[in-house]
Amino acid sequence: MGFEAIAAEHHITMVENVARARALAKEVDIGKPAPTKWYQAVAEVLAMVYRLKKAG
């Protein structure tokens, strides 16, 4: 089962930004602080999550 199918099954909104996802995966370790150059990208993702959660 692919990411899209799992997301759809659990009613999870997906936004595709392949370049950003690849760059983050290459440069940021899970569980470690993101380098400052990625703060804006992380903030945009978190803002979207909060908006979706609020819209509920």
N, C-alpha and C. Protein backbone atom coordinates (compact mmCIF):
# COMPACT_ATOMS: atom_id res chain seq x y z
N MET A 1 0.85 -1.18 0.00
CA MET A 1 0.00 0.00 0.00
C MET A 1 0.90 1.24 0.00
N GLY A 2 0.62 2.20 -0.88
CA GLY A 2 1.43 3.40 -1.00
C GLY A 2 1.03 4.49 -0.01
N PHE A 3 1.87 5.52 0.07
CA PHE A 3 1.61 6.64 0.97
C PHE A 3 0.24 7.27 0.72
N GLU A 4 -0.08 7.48 -0.55
CA GLU A 4 -1.34 8.14 -0.88
C GLU A 4 -2.53 7.33 -0.39
N ALA A 5 -2.49 6.03 -0.56
CA ALA A 5 -3.59 5.17 -0.13
C ALA A 5 -3.73 5.18 1.39
N ILE A 6 -2.60 5.11 2.08
CA ILE A 6 -2.64 5.12 3.55
C ILE A 6 -3.17 6.47 4.05
N ALA A 7 -2.71 7.55 3.44
CA ALA A 7 -3.19 8.88 3.84
C ALA A 7 -4.69 9.00 3.61
N ALA A 8 -5.16 8.55 2.45
CA ALA A 8 -6.59 8.62 2.14
C ALA A 8 -7.40 7.78 3.12
N GLU A 9 -6.90 6.62 3.44
CA GLU A 9 -7.60 5.72 4.38
C GLU A 9 -7.77 6.36 5.75
N HIS A 10 -6.82 7.19 6.14
CA HIS A 10 -6.85 7.82 7.46
C HIS A 10 -7.25 9.29 7.41
N HIS A 11 -7.77 9.71 6.24
CA HIS A 11 -8.25 11.09 6.05
C HIS A 11 -7.15 12.12 6.34
N ILE A 12 -5.96 11.85 5.82
CA ILE A 12 -4.81 12.73 6.01
C ILE A 12 -4.59 13.52 4.73
N THR A 13 -4.51 14.82 4.86
CA THR A 13 -4.25 15.68 3.72
C THR A 13 -2.78 15.59 3.36
N MET A 14 -2.52 15.41 2.07
CA MET A 14 -1.13 15.38 1.60
C MET A 14 -0.89 16.56 0.68
N VAL A 15 0.25 17.17 0.85
CA VAL A 15 0.70 18.23 -0.04
C VAL A 15 2.03 17.78 -0.59
N GLU A 16 2.15 17.77 -1.91
CA GLU A 16 3.36 17.25 -2.52
C GLU A 16 4.31 18.39 -2.89
N ASN A 17 5.51 18.29 -2.38
CA ASN A 17 6.59 19.18 -2.76
C ASN A 17 7.84 18.30 -2.78
N VAL A 18 8.05 17.65 -3.90
CA VAL A 18 9.11 16.64 -4.02
C VAL A 18 10.48 17.22 -3.71
N ALA A 19 10.78 18.37 -4.27
CA ALA A 19 12.11 18.97 -4.06
C ALA A 19 12.36 19.24 -2.57
N ARG A 20 11.38 19.81 -1.90
CA ARG A 20 11.54 20.12 -0.48
C ARG A 20 11.64 18.84 0.34
N ALA A 21 10.82 17.86 0.05
CA ALA A 21 10.85 16.60 0.79
C ALA A 21 12.20 15.91 0.65
N ARG A 22 12.73 15.88 -0.56
CA ARG A 22 14.03 15.24 -0.78
C ARG A 22 15.15 15.97 -0.05
N ALA A 23 15.11 17.30 -0.12
CA ALA A 23 16.14 18.09 0.55
C ALA A 23 16.08 17.91 2.06
N LEU A 24 14.88 17.95 2.62
CA LEU A 24 14.73 17.74 4.07
C LEU A 24 15.20 16.35 4.47
N ALA A 25 14.82 15.33 3.72
CA ALA A 25 15.20 13.96 4.04
C ALA A 25 16.72 13.79 3.98
N LYS A 26 17.34 14.49 3.06
CA LYS A 26 18.79 14.38 2.89
C LYS A 26 19.56 15.10 4.00
N GLU A 27 19.02 16.21 4.48
CA GLU A 27 19.78 17.07 5.38
C GLU A 27 19.31 17.08 6.84
N VAL A 28 18.12 16.57 7.12
CA VAL A 28 17.59 16.65 8.47
C VAL A 28 17.33 15.24 9.00
N ASP A 29 17.92 14.93 10.16
CA ASP A 29 17.72 13.64 10.79
C ASP A 29 16.47 13.68 11.67
N ILE A 30 15.66 12.63 11.58
CA ILE A 30 14.45 12.53 12.41
C ILE A 30 14.86 12.56 13.88
N GLY A 31 14.16 13.38 14.64
CA GLY A 31 14.43 13.50 16.07
C GLY A 31 15.53 14.48 16.42
N LYS A 32 16.17 15.04 15.40
CA LYS A 32 17.23 16.02 15.63
C LYS A 32 16.72 17.41 15.25
N PRO A 33 17.28 18.45 15.84
CA PRO A 33 16.86 19.80 15.46
C PRO A 33 17.16 20.08 13.98
N ALA A 34 16.26 20.79 13.35
CA ALA A 34 16.47 21.18 11.96
C ALA A 34 17.46 22.33 11.91
N PRO A 35 18.37 22.32 10.92
CA PRO A 35 19.27 23.45 10.76
C PRO A 35 18.46 24.74 10.49
N THR A 36 19.01 25.86 10.86
CA THR A 36 18.28 27.13 10.74
C THR A 36 17.81 27.41 9.32
N LYS A 37 18.52 26.93 8.32
CA LYS A 37 18.08 27.20 6.95
C LYS A 37 16.75 26.52 6.63
N TRP A 38 16.32 25.57 7.44
CA TRP A 38 15.06 24.86 7.22
C TRP A 38 13.92 25.35 8.10
N TYR A 39 14.17 26.33 8.93
CA TYR A 39 13.12 26.83 9.84
C TYR A 39 11.87 27.28 9.08
N GLN A 40 12.04 28.01 8.00
CA GLN A 40 10.89 28.51 7.25
C GLN A 40 10.07 27.34 6.69
N ALA A 41 10.73 26.36 6.12
CA ALA A 41 10.02 25.21 5.55
C ALA A 41 9.27 24.44 6.63
N VAL A 42 9.90 24.23 7.76
CA VAL A 42 9.25 23.52 8.87
C VAL A 42 8.08 24.34 9.40
N ALA A 43 8.26 25.64 9.51
CA ALA A 43 7.19 26.52 9.99
C ALA A 43 5.98 26.47 9.06
N GLU A 44 6.21 26.42 7.76
CA GLU A 44 5.11 26.34 6.80
C GLU A 44 4.33 25.03 6.96
N VAL A 45 5.04 23.94 7.17
CA VAL A 45 4.37 22.65 7.38
C VAL A 45 3.55 22.69 8.67
N LEU A 46 4.15 23.18 9.75
CA LEU A 46 3.43 23.25 11.02
C LEU A 46 2.22 24.17 10.94
N ALA A 47 2.35 25.29 10.25
CA ALA A 47 1.21 26.21 10.08
C ALA A 47 0.08 25.53 9.35
N MET A 48 0.40 24.75 8.33
CA MET A 48 -0.64 24.03 7.60
C MET A 48 -1.33 23.00 8.49
N VAL A 49 -0.55 22.30 9.29
CA VAL A 49 -1.12 21.30 10.20
C VAL A 49 -2.07 21.98 11.18
N TYR A 50 -1.67 23.10 11.76
CA TYR A 50 -2.51 23.81 12.71
C TYR A 50 -3.80 24.32 12.04
N ARG A 51 -3.69 24.83 10.80
CA ARG A 51 -4.89 25.30 10.09
C ARG A 51 -5.84 24.14 9.84
N LEU A 52 -5.31 23.01 9.41
CA LEU A 52 -6.17 21.84 9.14
C LEU A 52 -6.82 21.34 10.42
N LYS A 53 -6.05 21.33 11.50
CA LYS A 53 -6.58 20.87 12.78
C LYS A 53 -7.69 21.80 13.25
N LYS A 54 -7.49 23.09 13.10
CA LYS A 54 -8.50 24.08 13.53
C LYS A 54 -9.77 23.96 12.69
N ALA A 55 -9.60 23.71 11.38
CA ALA A 55 -10.76 23.57 10.49
C ALA A 55 -11.53 22.29 10.77
N GLY A 56 -10.81 21.33 11.36
CA GLY A 56 -11.31 20.09 11.84
C GLY A 56 -12.22 19.26 11.15
